[in-house]
Protein backbone atom coordinates (compact mmCIF):
# COMPACT_ATOMS: atom_id res chain seq x y z
CA MET A 1 6.74 10.17 4.18
CA ARG A 2 3.34 8.99 5.27
CA THR A 3 1.45 6.13 5.27
CA VAL A 4 -1.11 6.62 2.41
CA TYR A 5 -2.34 2.82 2.81
CA GLU A 6 -2.46 -0.29 5.09
CA ALA A 7 -2.19 -3.32 2.74
CA SER A 8 -3.22 -6.90 3.72
CA ASN A 9 -0.41 -8.53 2.31
CA SER A 10 2.81 -7.82 0.12
CA ILE A 11 1.19 -8.66 -3.17
CA GLU A 12 -1.65 -6.32 -2.61
CA ALA A 13 0.88 -3.59 -1.76
CA HIS A 14 2.94 -4.17 -4.44
CA ILE A 15 0.13 -4.07 -6.91
CA LEU A 16 -1.14 -0.62 -5.93
CA GLN A 17 2.40 0.59 -5.69
CA GLY A 18 2.65 -0.28 -9.71
CA PHE A 19 -0.99 1.53 -9.94
CA LEU A 20 0.36 4.32 -8.24
CA MET A 21 3.51 4.26 -10.39
CA GLN A 22 1.37 4.77 -13.12
CA GLU A 23 -0.12 7.57 -12.05
CA GLY A 24 3.74 9.14 -11.68
CA ILE A 25 3.00 8.56 -7.61
CA ALA A 26 6.22 7.45 -5.84
CA THR A 27 5.96 5.22 -3.19
CA GLN A 28 7.93 2.96 -0.83
CA VAL A 29 6.35 -0.33 0.48
CA VAL A 30 7.21 -1.21 4.08
CA GLY A 31 6.92 -3.92 6.33
CA ALA A 32 6.58 -6.37 3.66
CA TYR A 33 9.43 -8.71 4.84
CA LEU A 34 7.52 -8.86 8.32
CA GLN A 35 5.30 -11.42 7.28
CA GLY A 36 7.42 -13.96 7.49
CA GLY A 37 8.45 -13.27 10.79
CA MET A 38 7.50 -16.57 13.28
CA GLY A 39 6.28 -16.41 16.49
CA GLU A 40 3.74 -14.28 18.14
CA LEU A 41 4.06 -11.66 14.98
CA PRO A 42 0.12 -12.19 13.10
CA ALA A 43 1.11 -12.92 9.58
CA GLN A 44 -0.59 -9.73 8.38
CA GLY A 45 -1.05 -6.21 9.04
CA PHE A 46 2.41 -4.85 8.71
CA VAL A 47 2.78 -3.96 5.04
CA ARG A 48 1.88 -0.36 4.31
CA LEU A 49 2.24 2.16 1.42
CA LEU A 50 4.52 5.18 2.25
CA VAL A 51 4.04 8.62 -0.27
CA GLY A 52 5.57 12.08 0.19
CA GLU A 53 3.66 14.59 1.82
CA ASP A 54 3.11 16.51 -1.20
CA ASP A 55 1.42 13.48 -2.92
CA TYR A 56 -0.98 12.25 -0.25
CA GLU A 57 -4.05 13.59 -1.29
CA ARG A 58 -3.32 12.69 -5.01
CA ALA A 59 -2.65 9.04 -3.68
CA ARG A 60 -5.43 8.88 -1.67
CA ALA A 61 -7.74 10.08 -4.39
CA ALA A 62 -5.96 7.50 -6.78
CA ILE A 63 -6.52 4.83 -4.20
CA ALA A 64 -10.28 5.49 -3.95
CA ARG A 65 -10.78 4.95 -7.76
CA TRP A 66 -8.72 1.95 -7.39
CA GLU A 67 -10.96 0.87 -4.80
CA ALA A 68 -14.31 1.69 -6.65
CA ALA A 69 -13.02 -0.49 -9.67
CA SER A 70 -11.45 -3.48 -8.18
CA PRO A 71 -14.20 -4.41 -5.34
CA LEU A 72 -13.24 -6.93 -2.71
CA PRO A 73 -15.34 -10.44 -2.69
């Protein structure tokens, strides 16, 4: 598995995961539960989307289309 996207939060990761699933790309969200950690952990930056090595380039292209269609404010 290879990191294809670092999300700003768990919600963003799961929305993008659903989009990639519609594109036929299997993903795994990791780090979502670290956001609730207390103490010195920052609230963001740990949530990542992983894909298989064979799907990496196709996933990057799909993410680029998703980002172009959904620009952040």
